[in-house]
Amino acid sequence: NVGETVRLFVGNGGPNLVSSFHVIGEIFDRVHAEGGRVPNENVQTTLVPSGGAAIVEFKVDVPGTFIIVDHSIFRTFNKGALGMLKVNGTEDKTVY
């Protein structure tokens, strides 16, 4: 729902390719690369190595369907590496 924080645990099974993880229309408030303790802040796309993982957190400000992609776009369009996050709530026109 709008106003809530989303936390995604992202793993990349590889075996040989890195992932450029991104949620279209969002900026991650915190990214724990490799699940580490010290987060990076205000990250748009994060690299997830083959066999690695990341934890991403962001607050959703508007309702809608957010597309989750591997920004190595050939995997998104040619191999279906995408997802959808449905956010419910009232629109806030001041955000736009």
C-alpha atoms as a PDB file:
ATOM      1  CA  ASN A   1       0.000   0.000   0.000  1.00  0.00           C
ATOM      2  CA  VAL A   2       1.022   3.629  -0.535  1.00  0.00           C
ATOM      3  CA  GLY A   3       3.205   4.865   2.314  1.00  0.00           C
ATOM      4  CA  GLU A   4       4.536   1.436   3.227  1.00  0.00           C
ATOM      5  CA  THR A   5       8.119   0.286   2.930  1.00  0.00           C
ATOM      6  CA  VAL A   6       8.828  -2.599   0.574  1.00  0.00           C
ATOM      7  CA  ARG A   7      11.763  -4.915   1.253  1.00  0.00           C
ATOM      8  CA  LEU A   8      12.842  -7.275  -1.511  1.00  0.00           C
ATOM      9  CA  PHE A   9      15.364 -10.069  -1.129  1.00  0.00           C
ATOM     10  CA  VAL A  10      16.952 -10.520  -4.546  1.00  0.00           C
ATOM     11  CA  GLY A  11      19.094 -13.486  -5.446  1.00  0.00           C
ATOM     12  CA  ASN A  12      20.939 -14.225  -8.665  1.00  0.00           C
ATOM     13  CA  GLY A  13      21.479 -17.920  -9.295  1.00  0.00           C
ATOM     14  CA  GLY A  14      23.709 -17.122 -12.252  1.00  0.00           C
ATOM     15  CA  PRO A  15      25.465 -19.242 -13.162  1.00  0.00           C
ATOM     16  CA  ASN A  16      27.553 -16.789 -15.184  1.00  0.00           C
ATOM     17  CA  LEU A  17      25.696 -13.495 -15.575  1.00  0.00           C
ATOM     18  CA  VAL A  18      25.351 -10.526 -13.214  1.00  0.00           C
ATOM     19  CA  SER A  19      21.974  -8.849 -12.731  1.00  0.00           C
ATOM     20  CA  SER A  20      21.316  -5.113 -12.824  1.00  0.00           C
ATOM     21  CA  PHE A  21      18.280  -5.070 -10.522  1.00  0.00           C
ATOM     22  CA  HIS A  22      15.871  -2.148 -10.891  1.00  0.00           C
ATOM     23  CA  VAL A  23      12.261  -1.199 -10.119  1.00  0.00           C
ATOM     24  CA  ILE A  24      10.996   1.169 -12.804  1.00  0.00           C
ATOM     25  CA  GLY A  25       9.742   4.387 -11.187  1.00  0.00           C
ATOM     26  CA  GLU A  26      11.457   3.889  -7.821  1.00  0.00           C
ATOM     27  CA  ILE A  27      14.738   4.717  -6.141  1.00  0.00           C
ATOM     28  CA  PHE A  28      15.891   2.334  -3.432  1.00  0.00           C
ATOM     29  CA  ASP A  29      16.156   4.033  -0.052  1.00  0.00           C
ATOM     30  CA  ARG A  30      18.617   1.365   1.090  1.00  0.00           C
ATOM     31  CA  VAL A  31      20.505  -1.424  -0.651  1.00  0.00           C
ATOM     32  CA  HIS A  32      22.339  -4.050   1.342  1.00  0.00           C
ATOM     33  CA  ALA A  33      24.738  -5.379  -1.290  1.00  0.00           C
ATOM     34  CA  GLU A  34      25.568  -9.031  -0.665  1.00  0.00           C
ATOM     35  CA  GLY A  35      23.246  -8.792   2.352  1.00  0.00           C
ATOM     36  CA  GLY A  36      25.887  -6.743   4.188  1.00  0.00           C
ATOM     37  CA  ARG A  37      25.372  -4.569   7.238  1.00  0.00           C
ATOM     38  CA  VAL A  38      26.252  -1.166   5.776  1.00  0.00           C
ATOM     39  CA  PRO A  39      23.616  -0.095   3.254  1.00  0.00           C
ATOM     40  CA  ASN A  40      24.062   2.132   0.235  1.00  0.00           C
ATOM     41  CA  GLU A  41      21.400   4.849   0.078  1.00  0.00           C
ATOM     42  CA  ASN A  42      19.383   6.379  -2.770  1.00  0.00           C
ATOM     43  CA  VAL A  43      20.325   3.770  -5.356  1.00  0.00           C
ATOM     44  CA  GLN A  44      18.469   3.444  -8.644  1.00  0.00           C
ATOM     45  CA  THR A  45      19.914   0.168  -9.982  1.00  0.00           C
ATOM     46  CA  THR A  46      22.032  -2.317  -8.075  1.00  0.00           C
ATOM     47  CA  LEU A  47      24.429  -4.943  -9.335  1.00  0.00           C
ATOM     48  CA  VAL A  48      23.786  -8.468  -8.060  1.00  0.00           C
ATOM     49  CA  PRO A  49      26.671 -10.805  -8.884  1.00  0.00           C
ATOM     50  CA  SER A  50      26.267 -14.342 -10.090  1.00  0.00           C
ATOM     51  CA  GLY A  51      25.610 -16.483  -7.034  1.00  0.00           C
ATOM     52  CA  GLY A  52      25.048 -13.355  -4.935  1.00  0.00           C
ATOM     53  CA  ALA A  53      22.154 -11.511  -3.358  1.00  0.00           C
ATOM     54  CA  ALA A  54      21.003  -8.078  -2.248  1.00  0.00           C
ATOM     55  CA  ILE A  55      18.322  -6.635  -0.011  1.00  0.00           C
ATOM     56  CA  VAL A  56      16.576  -3.523  -1.331  1.00  0.00           C
ATOM     57  CA  GLU A  57      14.148  -1.272   0.546  1.00  0.00           C
ATOM     58  CA  PHE A  58      12.001   1.591  -0.670  1.00  0.00           C
ATOM     59  CA  LYS A  59       8.889   3.482   0.370  1.00  0.00           C
ATOM     60  CA  VAL A  60       6.131   3.639  -2.223  1.00  0.00           C
ATOM     61  CA  ASP A  61       4.627   7.103  -2.674  1.00  0.00           C
ATOM     62  CA  VAL A  62       2.044   6.482  -5.381  1.00  0.00           C
ATOM     63  CA  PRO A  63      -0.312   3.660  -6.348  1.00  0.00           C
ATOM     64  CA  GLY A  64       0.163   1.658  -9.515  1.00  0.00           C
ATOM     65  CA  THR A  65       1.932  -1.334 -10.954  1.00  0.00           C
ATOM     66  CA  PHE A  66       5.706  -1.084 -10.733  1.00  0.00           C
ATOM     67  CA  ILE A  67       7.739  -3.212 -13.120  1.00  0.00           C
ATOM     68  CA  ILE A  68      10.691  -5.084 -11.627  1.00  0.00           C
ATOM     69  CA  VAL A  69      13.436  -5.761 -14.171  1.00  0.00           C
ATOM     70  CA  ASP A  70      16.948  -6.926 -14.723  1.00  0.00           C
ATOM     71  CA  HIS A  71      18.316  -3.825 -16.438  1.00  0.00           C
ATOM     72  CA  SER A  72      20.481  -6.091 -18.542  1.00  0.00           C
ATOM     73  CA  ILE A  73      17.474  -5.583 -20.777  1.00  0.00           C
ATOM     74  CA  PHE A  74      17.988  -8.536 -23.127  1.00  0.00           C
ATOM     75  CA  ARG A  75      17.075 -10.837 -20.221  1.00  0.00           C
ATOM     76  CA  THR A  76      13.959  -8.824 -19.467  1.00  0.00           C
ATOM     77  CA  PHE A  77      12.538  -8.753 -22.980  1.00  0.00           C
ATOM     78  CA  ASN A  78      13.991 -11.925 -24.463  1.00  0.00           C
ATOM     79  CA  LYS A  79      13.830 -14.217 -21.440  1.00  0.00           C
ATOM     80  CA  GLY A  80      11.022 -12.778 -19.304  1.00  0.00           C
ATOM     81  CA  ALA A  81      13.140 -11.698 -16.319  1.00  0.00           C
ATOM     82  CA  LEU A  82      10.603  -9.253 -14.911  1.00  0.00           C
ATOM     83  CA  GLY A  83       7.931  -8.976 -12.260  1.00  0.00           C
ATOM     84  CA  MET A  84       5.152  -6.631 -11.221  1.00  0.00           C
ATOM     85  CA  LEU A  85       4.557  -5.004  -7.855  1.00  0.00           C
ATOM     86  CA  LYS A  86       0.964  -3.831  -7.340  1.00  0.00           C
ATOM     87  CA  VAL A  87       0.638  -0.846  -4.971  1.00  0.00           C
ATOM     88  CA  ASN A  88      -2.815   0.187  -3.744  1.00  0.00           C
ATOM     89  CA  GLY A  89      -3.857   3.517  -2.242  1.00  0.00           C
ATOM     90  CA  THR A  90      -4.958   7.046  -2.914  1.00  0.00           C
ATOM     91  CA  GLU A  91      -3.156   9.124  -5.529  1.00  0.00           C
ATOM     92  CA  ASP A  92      -1.262  12.191  -4.347  1.00  0.00           C
ATOM     93  CA  LYS A  93      -1.091  14.614  -7.286  1.00  0.00           C
ATOM     94  CA  THR A  94       1.640  16.656  -5.543  1.00  0.00           C
ATOM     95  CA  VAL A  95       4.037  13.724  -6.038  1.00  0.00           C
ATOM     96  CA  TYR A  96       3.628  13.980  -9.796  1.00  0.00           C
END
